[in-house]
Amino acid sequence: ILFLAFNSSAAPIQRIQGTILEVGEGFLILSPDDKSPSRKFL
């Protein structure tokens, strides 16, 4: 029960598709295809 409770709180791996707007040292900014706001990724 404790093992299942701990693992369910971990964030799932997600997918996003889009075009790279900027690449910097240690980060990347992406413009998603679904027209949502740009996101910064580490």
PDB file of all heavy atoms in Angstrom:
ATOM      1  N   ILE A   1       0.838  -1.209   0.000  1.00  0.00           N
ATOM      2  CA  ILE A   1       0.000   0.000   0.000  1.00  0.00           C
ATOM      3  C   ILE A   1       0.871   1.255   0.000  1.00  0.00           C
ATOM      4  O   ILE A   1       0.620   2.190  -0.771  1.00  0.00           O
ATOM      5  CB  ILE A   1      -0.967  -0.010   1.193  1.00  0.00           C
ATOM      6  CG1 ILE A   1      -2.034  -1.089   0.983  1.00  0.00           C
ATOM      7  CG2 ILE A   1      -1.624   1.357   1.385  1.00  0.00           C
ATOM      8  CD1 ILE A   1      -2.906  -1.341   2.192  1.00  0.00           C
ATOM      9  N   LEU A   2       1.894   1.279   0.838  1.00  0.00           N
ATOM     10  CA  LEU A   2       2.790   2.437   0.873  1.00  0.00           C
ATOM     11  C   LEU A   2       3.563   2.595  -0.433  1.00  0.00           C
ATOM     12  O   LEU A   2       3.763   3.703  -0.914  1.00  0.00           O
ATOM     13  CB  LEU A   2       3.754   2.328   2.058  1.00  0.00           C
ATOM     14  CG  LEU A   2       3.125   2.502   3.435  1.00  0.00           C
ATOM     15  CD1 LEU A   2       4.166   2.254   4.520  1.00  0.00           C
ATOM     16  CD2 LEU A   2       2.525   3.887   3.571  1.00  0.00           C
ATOM     17  N   PHE A   3       3.997   1.484  -1.014  1.00  0.00           N
ATOM     18  CA  PHE A   3       4.727   1.523  -2.279  1.00  0.00           C
ATOM     19  C   PHE A   3       3.848   2.094  -3.388  1.00  0.00           C
ATOM     20  O   PHE A   3       4.273   2.958  -4.156  1.00  0.00           O
ATOM     21  CB  PHE A   3       5.209   0.120  -2.653  1.00  0.00           C
ATOM     22  CG  PHE A   3       5.951   0.071  -3.951  1.00  0.00           C
ATOM     23  CD1 PHE A   3       7.263   0.507  -4.023  1.00  0.00           C
ATOM     24  CD2 PHE A   3       5.338  -0.406  -5.093  1.00  0.00           C
ATOM     25  CE1 PHE A   3       7.945   0.472  -5.224  1.00  0.00           C
ATOM     26  CE2 PHE A   3       6.013  -0.452  -6.299  1.00  0.00           C
ATOM     27  CZ  PHE A   3       7.327  -0.012  -6.363  1.00  0.00           C
ATOM     28  N   LEU A   4       2.608   1.644  -3.486  1.00  0.00           N
ATOM     29  CA  LEU A   4       1.691   2.144  -4.506  1.00  0.00           C
ATOM     30  C   LEU A   4       1.355   3.617  -4.287  1.00  0.00           C
ATOM     31  O   LEU A   4       1.262   4.384  -5.246  1.00  0.00           O
ATOM     32  CB  LEU A   4       0.422   1.303  -4.541  1.00  0.00           C
ATOM     33  CG  LEU A   4       0.585  -0.132  -5.034  1.00  0.00           C
ATOM     34  CD1 LEU A   4      -0.718  -0.898  -4.886  1.00  0.00           C
ATOM     35  CD2 LEU A   4       1.081  -0.163  -6.470  1.00  0.00           C
ATOM     36  N   ALA A   5       1.187   4.019  -3.048  1.00  0.00           N
ATOM     37  CA  ALA A   5       0.890   5.424  -2.754  1.00  0.00           C
ATOM     38  C   ALA A   5       2.059   6.320  -3.128  1.00  0.00           C
ATOM     39  O   ALA A   5       1.881   7.407  -3.673  1.00  0.00           O
ATOM     40  CB  ALA A   5       0.549   5.583  -1.274  1.00  0.00           C
ATOM     41  N   PHE A   6       3.271   5.882  -2.865  1.00  0.00           N
ATOM     42  CA  PHE A   6       4.462   6.671  -3.187  1.00  0.00           C
ATOM     43  C   PHE A   6       4.646   6.781  -4.691  1.00  0.00           C
ATOM     44  O   PHE A   6       4.926   7.847  -5.226  1.00  0.00           O
ATOM     45  CB  PHE A   6       5.708   6.045  -2.547  1.00  0.00           C
ATOM     46  CG  PHE A   6       6.972   6.759  -2.920  1.00  0.00           C
ATOM     47  CD1 PHE A   6       7.266   7.992  -2.365  1.00  0.00           C
ATOM     48  CD2 PHE A   6       7.855   6.206  -3.822  1.00  0.00           C
ATOM     49  CE1 PHE A   6       8.431   8.665  -2.706  1.00  0.00           C
ATOM     50  CE2 PHE A   6       9.021   6.861  -4.171  1.00  0.00           C
ATOM     51  CZ  PHE A   6       9.305   8.094  -3.608  1.00  0.00           C
ATOM     52  N   ASN A   7       4.491   5.695  -5.428  1.00  0.00           N
ATOM     53  CA  ASN A   7       4.690   5.714  -6.873  1.00  0.00           C
ATOM     54  C   ASN A   7       3.603   6.476  -7.609  1.00  0.00           C
ATOM     55  O   ASN A   7       3.852   7.034  -8.665  1.00  0.00           O
ATOM     56  CB  ASN A   7       4.791   4.290  -7.435  1.00  0.00           C
ATOM     57  CG  ASN A   7       6.172   3.723  -7.238  1.00  0.00           C
ATOM     58  OD1 ASN A   7       7.117   4.454  -6.993  1.00  0.00           O
ATOM     59  ND2 ASN A   7       6.283   2.421  -7.360  1.00  0.00           N
ATOM     60  N   SER A   8       2.399   6.509  -7.098  1.00  0.00           N
ATOM     61  CA  SER A   8       1.331   7.224  -7.785  1.00  0.00           C
ATOM     62  C   SER A   8       1.513   8.733  -7.687  1.00  0.00           C
ATOM     63  O   SER A   8       0.975   9.474  -8.495  1.00  0.00           O
ATOM     64  CB  SER A   8      -0.024   6.821  -7.222  1.00  0.00           C
ATOM     65  OG  SER A   8      -0.131   7.243  -5.886  1.00  0.00           O
ATOM     66  N   SER A   9       2.289   9.213  -6.719  1.00  0.00           N
ATOM     67  CA  SER A   9       2.512  10.650  -6.579  1.00  0.00           C
ATOM     68  C   SER A   9       3.595  11.157  -7.515  1.00  0.00           C
ATOM     69  O   SER A   9       3.739  12.360  -7.696  1.00  0.00           O
ATOM     70  CB  SER A   9       2.876  10.984  -5.130  1.00  0.00           C
ATOM     71  OG  SER A   9       4.132  10.418  -4.811  1.00  0.00           O
ATOM     72  N   ALA A  10       4.371  10.275  -8.133  1.00  0.00           N
ATOM     73  CA  ALA A  10       5.408  10.692  -9.069  1.00  0.00           C
ATOM     74  C   ALA A  10       4.761  11.193 -10.358  1.00  0.00           C
ATOM     75  O   ALA A  10       3.764  10.655 -10.820  1.00  0.00           O
ATOM     76  CB  ALA A  10       6.341   9.522  -9.368  1.00  0.00           C
ATOM     77  N   ALA A  11       5.339  12.240 -10.918  1.00  0.00           N
ATOM     78  CA  ALA A  11       4.791  12.818 -12.150  1.00  0.00           C
ATOM     79  C   ALA A  11       5.023  11.862 -13.320  1.00  0.00           C
ATOM     80  O   ALA A  11       6.093  11.285 -13.455  1.00  0.00           O
ATOM     81  CB  ALA A  11       5.460  14.149 -12.431  1.00  0.00           C
ATOM     82  N   PRO A  12       4.005  11.702 -14.173  1.00  0.00           N
ATOM     83  CA  PRO A  12       4.167  10.829 -15.337  1.00  0.00           C
ATOM     84  C   PRO A  12       4.980  11.515 -16.430  1.00  0.00           C
ATOM     85  O   PRO A  12       5.067  12.738 -16.481  1.00  0.00           O
ATOM     86  CB  PRO A  12       2.734  10.594 -15.799  1.00  0.00           C
ATOM     87  CG  PRO A  12       2.018  11.827 -15.376  1.00  0.00           C
ATOM     88  CD  PRO A  12       2.668  12.259 -14.088  1.00  0.00           C
ATOM     89  N   ILE A  13       5.569  10.711 -17.307  1.00  0.00           N
ATOM     90  CA  ILE A  13       6.267  11.272 -18.459  1.00  0.00           C
ATOM     91  C   ILE A  13       5.206  11.760 -19.439  1.00  0.00           C
ATOM     92  O   ILE A  13       4.249  11.059 -19.737  1.00  0.00           O
ATOM     93  CB  ILE A  13       7.191  10.225 -19.106  1.00  0.00           C
ATOM     94  CG1 ILE A  13       8.347   9.904 -18.155  1.00  0.00           C
ATOM     95  CG2 ILE A  13       7.721  10.731 -20.440  1.00  0.00           C
ATOM     96  CD1 ILE A  13       9.324   8.885 -18.674  1.00  0.00           C
ATOM     97  N   GLN A  14       5.375  12.992 -19.910  1.00  0.00           N
ATOM     98  CA  GLN A  14       4.414  13.610 -20.815  1.00  0.00           C
ATOM     99  C   GLN A  14       5.066  13.877 -22.171  1.00  0.00           C
ATOM    100  O   GLN A  14       6.287  13.870 -22.289  1.00  0.00           O
ATOM    101  CB  GLN A  14       3.917  14.921 -20.216  1.00  0.00           C
ATOM    102  CG  GLN A  14       3.240  14.724 -18.874  1.00  0.00           C
ATOM    103  CD  GLN A  14       2.819  16.045 -18.276  1.00  0.00           C
ATOM    104  OE1 GLN A  14       2.281  16.900 -18.961  1.00  0.00           O
ATOM    105  NE2 GLN A  14       3.085  16.205 -16.994  1.00  0.00           N
ATOM    106  N   ARG A  15       4.242  14.132 -23.187  1.00  0.00           N
ATOM    107  CA  ARG A  15       4.719  14.415 -24.544  1.00  0.00           C
ATOM    108  C   ARG A  15       4.224  15.790 -24.970  1.00  0.00           C
ATOM    109  O   ARG A  15       3.118  16.187 -24.634  1.00  0.00           O
ATOM    110  CB  ARG A  15       4.161  13.414 -25.548  1.00  0.00           C
ATOM    111  CG  ARG A  15       4.549  12.022 -25.317  1.00  0.00           C
ATOM    112  CD  ARG A  15       3.744  11.115 -26.234  1.00  0.00           C
ATOM    113  NE  ARG A  15       4.314   9.794 -26.194  1.00  0.00           N
ATOM    114  CZ  ARG A  15       4.674   9.124 -27.269  1.00  0.00           C
ATOM    115  NH1 ARG A  15       4.494   9.629 -28.460  1.00  0.00           N
ATOM    116  NH2 ARG A  15       5.206   7.936 -27.157  1.00  0.00           N
ATOM    117  N   ILE A  16       5.058  16.462 -25.763  1.00  0.00           N
ATOM    118  CA  ILE A  16       4.649  17.720 -26.377  1.00  0.00           C
ATOM    119  C   ILE A  16       5.377  17.839 -27.709  1.00  0.00           C
ATOM    120  O   ILE A  16       6.531  17.434 -27.830  1.00  0.00           O
ATOM    121  CB  ILE A  16       4.931  18.929 -25.451  1.00  0.00           C
ATOM    122  CG1 ILE A  16       4.286  20.186 -26.015  1.00  0.00           C
ATOM    123  CG2 ILE A  16       6.417  19.117 -25.229  1.00  0.00           C
ATOM    124  CD1 ILE A  16       4.244  21.334 -25.024  1.00  0.00           C
ATOM    125  N   GLN A  17       4.674  18.354 -28.692  1.00  0.00           N
ATOM    126  CA  GLN A  17       5.233  18.480 -30.034  1.00  0.00           C
ATOM    127  C   GLN A  17       5.210  19.945 -30.423  1.00  0.00           C
ATOM    128  O   GLN A  17       4.231  20.648 -30.162  1.00  0.00           O
ATOM    129  CB  GLN A  17       4.396  17.661 -31.012  1.00  0.00           C
ATOM    130  CG  GLN A  17       4.952  17.592 -32.398  1.00  0.00           C
ATOM    131  CD  GLN A  17       4.164  16.613 -33.254  1.00  0.00           C
ATOM    132  OE1 GLN A  17       3.725  15.576 -32.773  1.00  0.00           O
ATOM    133  NE2 GLN A  17       3.991  16.946 -34.515  1.00  0.00           N
ATOM    134  N   GLY A  18       6.289  20.427 -31.043  1.00  0.00           N
ATOM    135  CA  GLY A  18       6.324  21.816 -31.456  1.00  0.00           C
ATOM    136  C   GLY A  18       7.644  22.189 -32.100  1.00  0.00           C
ATOM    137  O   GLY A  18       8.466  21.331 -32.440  1.00  0.00           O
ATOM    138  N   THR A  19       7.848  23.501 -32.239  1.00  0.00           N
ATOM    139  CA  THR A  19       9.032  24.047 -32.885  1.00  0.00           C
ATOM    140  C   THR A  19       9.900  24.751 -31.852  1.00  0.00           C
ATOM    141  O   THR A  19       9.387  25.512 -31.028  1.00  0.00           O
ATOM    142  CB  THR A  19       8.621  25.048 -33.984  1.00  0.00           C
ATOM    143  OG1 THR A  19       7.751  24.380 -34.901  1.00  0.00           O
ATOM    144  CG2 THR A  19       9.828  25.561 -34.739  1.00  0.00           C
ATOM    145  N   ILE A  20      11.202  24.519 -31.930  1.00  0.00           N
ATOM    146  CA  ILE A  20      12.141  25.144 -31.000  1.00  0.00           C
ATOM    147  C   ILE A  20      12.289  26.619 -31.354  1.00  0.00           C
ATOM    148  O   ILE A  20      12.581  26.970 -32.501  1.00  0.00           O
ATOM    149  CB  ILE A  20      13.511  24.441 -31.042  1.00  0.00           C
ATOM    150  CG1 ILE A  20      13.371  22.986 -30.580  1.00  0.00           C
ATOM    151  CG2 ILE A  20      14.528  25.195 -30.193  1.00  0.00           C
ATOM    152  CD1 ILE A  20      14.632  22.169 -30.723  1.00  0.00           C
ATOM    153  N   LEU A  21      12.053  27.494 -30.370  1.00  0.00           N
ATOM    154  CA  LEU A  21      12.195  28.936 -30.571  1.00  0.00           C
ATOM    155  C   LEU A  21      13.569  29.434 -30.150  1.00  0.00           C
ATOM    156  O   LEU A  21      14.097  30.368 -30.748  1.00  0.00           O
ATOM    157  CB  LEU A  21      11.133  29.694 -29.777  1.00  0.00           C
ATOM    158  CG  LEU A  21       9.686  29.454 -30.167  1.00  0.00           C
ATOM    159  CD1 LEU A  21       8.767  30.262 -29.260  1.00  0.00           C
ATOM    160  CD2 LEU A  21       9.458  29.831 -31.619  1.00  0.00           C
ATOM    161  N   GLU A  22      14.112  28.826 -29.104  1.00  0.00           N
ATOM    162  CA  GLU A  22      15.400  29.286 -28.579  1.00  0.00           C
ATOM    163  C   GLU A  22      16.094  28.136 -27.861  1.00  0.00           C
ATOM    164  O   GLU A  22      15.445  27.325 -27.209  1.00  0.00           O
ATOM    165  CB  GLU A  22      15.165  30.443 -27.598  1.00  0.00           C
ATOM    166  CG  GLU A  22      16.423  31.044 -27.035  1.00  0.00           C
ATOM    167  CD  GLU A  22      16.141  32.186 -26.069  1.00  0.00           C
ATOM    168  OE1 GLU A  22      15.019  32.719 -26.056  1.00  0.00           O
ATOM    169  OE2 GLU A  22      17.066  32.518 -25.304  1.00  0.00           O
ATOM    170  N   VAL A  23      17.418  28.082 -27.998  1.00  0.00           N
ATOM    171  CA  VAL A  23      18.227  27.101 -27.288  1.00  0.00           C
ATOM    172  C   VAL A  23      19.310  27.863 -26.540  1.00  0.00           C
ATOM    173  O   VAL A  23      20.015  28.675 -27.126  1.00  0.00           O
ATOM    174  CB  VAL A  23      18.883  26.097 -28.263  1.00  0.00           C
ATOM    175  CG1 VAL A  23      19.737  25.100 -27.497  1.00  0.00           C
ATOM    176  CG2 VAL A  23      17.833  25.377 -29.080  1.00  0.00           C
ATOM    177  N   GLY A  24      19.400  27.622 -25.246  1.00  0.00           N
ATOM    178  CA  GLY A  24      20.415  28.266 -24.429  1.00  0.00           C
ATOM    179  C   GLY A  24      21.176  27.224 -23.643  1.00  0.00           C
ATOM    180  O   GLY A  24      20.970  26.023 -23.799  1.00  0.00           O
ATOM    181  N   GLU A  25      22.047  27.681 -22.778  1.00  0.00           N
ATOM    182  CA  GLU A  25      22.842  26.766 -21.975  1.00  0.00           C
ATOM    183  C   GLU A  25      21.969  26.158 -20.878  1.00  0.00           C
ATOM    184  O   GLU A  25      21.593  26.812 -19.914  1.00  0.00           O
ATOM    185  CB  GLU A  25      24.020  27.496 -21.344  1.00  0.00           C
ATOM    186  CG  GLU A  25      25.004  26.558 -20.708  1.00  0.00           C
ATOM    187  CD  GLU A  25      26.282  27.270 -20.281  1.00  0.00           C
ATOM    188  OE1 GLU A  25      26.691  28.191 -20.993  1.00  0.00           O
ATOM    189  OE2 GLU A  25      26.812  26.901 -19.239  1.00  0.00           O
ATOM    190  N   GLY A  26      21.583  24.898 -21.074  1.00  0.00           N
ATOM    191  CA  GLY A  26      20.797  24.187 -20.086  1.00  0.00           C
ATOM    192  C   GLY A  26      19.295  24.337 -20.231  1.00  0.00           C
ATOM    193  O   GLY A  26      18.550  23.851 -19.388  1.00  0.00           O
ATOM    194  N   PHE A  27      18.827  25.019 -21.281  1.00  0.00           N
ATOM    195  CA  PHE A  27      17.387  25.147 -21.457  1.00  0.00           C
ATOM    196  C   PHE A  27      17.027  25.202 -22.938  1.00  0.00           C
ATOM    197  O   PHE A  27      17.867  25.374 -23.814  1.00  0.00           O
ATOM    198  CB  PHE A  27      16.838  26.394 -20.750  1.00  0.00           C
ATOM    199  CG  PHE A  27      17.167  27.692 -21.432  1.00  0.00           C
ATOM    200  CD1 PHE A  27      16.295  28.244 -22.346  1.00  0.00           C
ATOM    201  CD2 PHE A  27      18.353  28.357 -21.156  1.00  0.00           C
ATOM    202  CE1 PHE A  27      16.595  29.437 -22.986  1.00  0.00           C
ATOM    203  CE2 PHE A  27      18.662  29.541 -21.790  1.00  0.00           C
ATOM    204  CZ  PHE A  27      17.785  30.089 -22.706  1.00  0.00           C
ATOM    205  N   LEU A  28      15.726  25.055 -23.188  1.00  0.00           N
ATOM    206  CA  LEU A  28      15.183  25.063 -24.542  1.00  0.00           C
ATOM    207  C   LEU A  28      13.771  25.642 -24.447  1.00  0.00           C
ATOM    208  O   LEU A  28      13.034  25.305 -23.531  1.00  0.00           O
ATOM    209  CB  LEU A  28      15.156  23.619 -25.030  1.00  0.00           C
ATOM    210  CG  LEU A  28      14.580  23.271 -26.380  1.00  0.00           C
ATOM    211  CD1 LEU A  28      15.411  22.139 -26.955  1.00  0.00           C
ATOM    212  CD2 LEU A  28      13.161  22.835 -26.265  1.00  0.00           C
ATOM    213  N   ILE A  29      13.413  26.549 -25.353  1.00  0.00           N
ATOM    214  CA  ILE A  29      12.061  27.114 -25.368  1.00  0.00           C
ATOM    215  C   ILE A  29      11.347  26.581 -26.602  1.00  0.00           C
ATOM    216  O   ILE A  29      11.867  26.650 -27.710  1.00  0.00           O
ATOM    217  CB  ILE A  29      12.089  28.651 -25.351  1.00  0.00           C
ATOM    218  CG1 ILE A  29      12.718  29.127 -24.047  1.00  0.00           C
ATOM    219  CG2 ILE A  29      10.673  29.217 -25.515  1.00  0.00           C
ATOM    220  CD1 ILE A  29      12.848  30.613 -23.900  1.00  0.00           C
ATOM    221  N   LEU A  30      10.140  26.033 -26.380  1.00  0.00           N
ATOM    222  CA  LEU A  30       9.380  25.370 -27.429  1.00  0.00           C
ATOM    223  C   LEU A  30       8.039  26.060 -27.640  1.00  0.00           C
ATOM    224  O   LEU A  30       7.358  26.408 -26.681  1.00  0.00           O
ATOM    225  CB  LEU A  30       9.144  23.905 -27.037  1.00  0.00           C
ATOM    226  CG  LEU A  30       8.442  23.043 -28.066  1.00  0.00           C
ATOM    227  CD1 LEU A  30       9.463  22.510 -29.050  1.00  0.00           C
ATOM    228  CD2 LEU A  30       7.736  21.900 -27.398  1.00  0.00           C
ATOM    229  N   SER A  31       7.660  26.236 -28.910  1.00  0.00           N
ATOM    230  CA  SER A  31       6.333  26.723 -29.266  1.00  0.00           C
ATOM    231  C   SER A  31       5.490  25.509 -29.648  1.00  0.00           C
ATOM    232  O   SER A  31       5.700  24.918 -30.701  1.00  0.00           O
ATOM    233  CB  SER A  31       6.424  27.685 -30.447  1.00  0.00           C
ATOM    234  OG  SER A  31       5.142  28.041 -30.894  1.00  0.00           O
ATOM    235  N   PRO A  32       4.543  25.091 -28.791  1.00  0.00           N
ATOM    236  CA  PRO A  32       3.751  23.885 -29.057  1.00  0.00           C
ATOM    237  C   PRO A  32       2.867  24.019 -30.297  1.00  0.00           C
ATOM    238  O   PRO A  32       2.425  25.111 -30.653  1.00  0.00           O
ATOM    239  CB  PRO A  32       2.899  23.729 -27.807  1.00  0.00           C
ATOM    240  CG  PRO A  32       3.569  24.547 -26.764  1.00  0.00           C
ATOM    241  CD  PRO A  32       4.229  25.670 -27.493  1.00  0.00           C
ATOM    242  N   ASP A  33       2.603  22.888 -30.952  1.00  0.00           N
ATOM    243  CA  ASP A  33       1.732  22.854 -32.128  1.00  0.00           C
ATOM    244  C   ASP A  33       0.287  23.159 -31.785  1.00  0.00           C
ATOM    245  O   ASP A  33      -0.473  23.600 -32.643  1.00  0.00           O
ATOM    246  CB  ASP A  33       1.802  21.474 -32.806  1.00  0.00           C
ATOM    247  CG  ASP A  33       3.106  21.262 -33.537  1.00  0.00           C
ATOM    248  OD1 ASP A  33       3.852  22.240 -33.754  1.00  0.00           O
ATOM    249  OD2 ASP A  33       3.394  20.101 -33.887  1.00  0.00           O
ATOM    250  N   ASP A  34      -0.127  22.930 -30.545  1.00  0.00           N
ATOM    251  CA  ASP A  34      -1.530  23.137 -30.170  1.00  0.00           C
ATOM    252  C   ASP A  34      -1.849  24.598 -29.835  1.00  0.00           C
ATOM    253  O   ASP A  34      -2.882  24.900 -29.272  1.00  0.00           O
ATOM    254  CB  ASP A  34      -1.918  22.222 -29.015  1.00  0.00           C
ATOM    255  CG  ASP A  34      -1.125  22.510 -27.746  1.00  0.00           C
ATOM    256  OD1 ASP A  34      -0.299  23.447 -27.743  1.00  0.00           O
ATOM    257  OD2 ASP A  34      -1.331  21.790 -26.759  1.00  0.00           O
ATOM    258  N   LYS A  35      -0.952  25.512 -30.184  1.00  0.00           N
ATOM    259  CA  LYS A  35      -1.146  26.966 -30.022  1.00  0.00           C
ATOM    260  C   LYS A  35      -1.214  27.413 -28.565  1.00  0.00           C
ATOM    261  O   LYS A  35      -1.657  28.515 -28.278  1.00  0.00           O
ATOM    262  CB  LYS A  35      -2.388  27.468 -30.778  1.00  0.00           C
ATOM    263  CG  LYS A  35      -2.416  27.093 -32.240  1.00  0.00           C
ATOM    264  CD  LYS A  35      -1.255  27.693 -32.979  1.00  0.00           C
ATOM    265  CE  LYS A  35      -1.354  27.317 -34.453  1.00  0.00           C
ATOM    266  NZ  LYS A  35      -0.100  27.314 -35.122  1.00  0.00           N
ATOM    267  N   SER A  36      -0.789  26.570 -27.632  1.00  0.00           N
ATOM    268  CA  SER A  36      -0.706  26.994 -26.237  1.00  0.00           C
ATOM    269  C   SER A  36       0.553  27.861 -26.080  1.00  0.00           C
ATOM    270  O   SER A  36       1.397  27.890 -26.963  1.00  0.00           O
ATOM    271  CB  SER A  36      -0.676  25.772 -25.312  1.00  0.00           C
ATOM    272  OG  SER A  36       0.412  24.940 -25.617  1.00  0.00           O
ATOM    273  N   PRO A  37       0.688  28.576 -24.971  1.00  0.00           N
ATOM    274  CA  PRO A  37       1.856  29.456 -24.791  1.00  0.00           C
ATOM    275  C   PRO A  37       3.179  28.685 -24.848  1.00  0.00           C
ATOM    276  O   PRO A  37       3.235  27.500 -24.540  1.00  0.00           O
ATOM    277  CB  PRO A  37       1.649  30.052 -23.397  1.00  0.00           C
ATOM    278  CG  PRO A  37       0.221  29.837 -23.076  1.00  0.00           C
ATOM    279  CD  PRO A  37      -0.239  28.650 -23.851  1.00  0.00           C
ATOM    280  N   SER A  38       4.237  29.395 -25.222  1.00  0.00           N
ATOM    281  CA  SER A  38       5.576  28.790 -25.284  1.00  0.00           C
ATOM    282  C   SER A  38       5.985  28.294 -23.911  1.00  0.00           C
ATOM    283  O   SER A  38       5.608  28.865 -22.891  1.00  0.00           O
ATOM    284  CB  SER A  38       6.593  29.818 -25.772  1.00  0.00           C
ATOM    285  OG  SER A  38       6.258  30.235 -27.071  1.00  0.00           O
ATOM    286  N   ARG A  39       6.768  27.216 -23.899  1.00  0.00           N
ATOM    287  CA  ARG A  39       7.217  26.612 -22.635  1.00  0.00           C
ATOM    288  C   ARG A  39       8.720  26.506 -22.603  1.00  0.00           C
ATOM    289  O   ARG A  39       9.360  26.286 -23.623  1.00  0.00           O
ATOM    290  CB  ARG A  39       6.648  25.199 -22.480  1.00  0.00           C
ATOM    291  CG  ARG A  39       5.164  25.218 -22.224  1.00  0.00           C
ATOM    292  CD  ARG A  39       4.675  23.962 -21.628  1.00  0.00           C
ATOM    293  NE  ARG A  39       5.366  23.660 -20.373  1.00  0.00           N
ATOM    294  CZ  ARG A  39       5.161  22.558 -19.688  1.00  0.00           C
ATOM    295  NH1 ARG A  39       4.312  21.666 -20.102  1.00  0.00           N
ATOM    296  NH2 ARG A  39       5.805  22.340 -18.573  1.00  0.00           N
ATOM    297  N   LYS A  40       9.263  26.650 -21.412  1.00  0.00           N
ATOM    298  CA  LYS A  40      10.702  26.493 -21.201  1.00  0.00           C
ATOM    299  C   LYS A  40      10.954  25.105 -20.615  1.00  0.00           C
ATOM    300  O   LYS A  40      10.279  24.694 -19.681  1.00  0.00           O
ATOM    301  CB  LYS A  40      11.222  27.565 -20.242  1.00  0.00           C
ATOM    302  CG  LYS A  40      12.705  27.501 -20.006  1.00  0.00           C
ATOM    303  CD  LYS A  40      13.156  28.649 -19.115  1.00  0.00           C
ATOM    304  CE  LYS A  40      14.652  28.622 -18.909  1.00  0.00           C
ATOM    305  NZ  LYS A  40      15.095  29.756 -18.081  1.00  0.00           N
ATOM    306  N   PHE A  41      11.917  24.392 -21.195  1.00  0.00           N
ATOM    307  CA  PHE A  41      12.292  23.057 -20.739  1.00  0.00           C
ATOM    308  C   PHE A  41      13.750  23.061 -20.322  1.00  0.00           C
ATOM    309  O   PHE A  41      14.577  23.751 -20.924  1.00  0.00           O
ATOM    310  CB  PHE A  41      12.082  22.028 -21.856  1.00  0.00           C
ATOM    311  CG  PHE A  41      10.652  21.838 -22.233  1.00  0.00           C
ATOM    312  CD1 PHE A  41      10.082  22.589 -23.249  1.00  0.00           C
ATOM    313  CD2 PHE A  41       9.861  20.921 -21.567  1.00  0.00           C
ATOM    314  CE1 PHE A  41       8.751  22.428 -23.593  1.00  0.00           C
ATOM    315  CE2 PHE A  41       8.532  20.751 -21.906  1.00  0.00           C
ATOM    316  CZ  PHE A  41       7.978  21.503 -22.912  1.00  0.00           C
ATOM    317  N   LEU A  42      14.068  22.261 -19.319  1.00  0.00           N
ATOM    318  CA  LEU A  42      15.436  22.148 -18.837  1.00  0.00           C
ATOM    319  C   LEU A  42      16.140  20.978 -19.514  1.00  0.00           C
ATOM    320  O   LEU A  42      15.594  19.882 -19.595  1.00  0.00           O
ATOM    321  CB  LEU A  42      15.453  21.940 -17.319  1.00  0.00           C
ATOM    322  CG  LEU A  42      14.761  23.045 -16.506  1.00  0.00           C
ATOM    323  CD1 LEU A  42      14.709  22.652 -15.041  1.00  0.00           C
ATOM    324  CD2 LEU A  42      15.478  24.358 -16.684  1.00  0.00           C
TER     325      LEU A  42
END
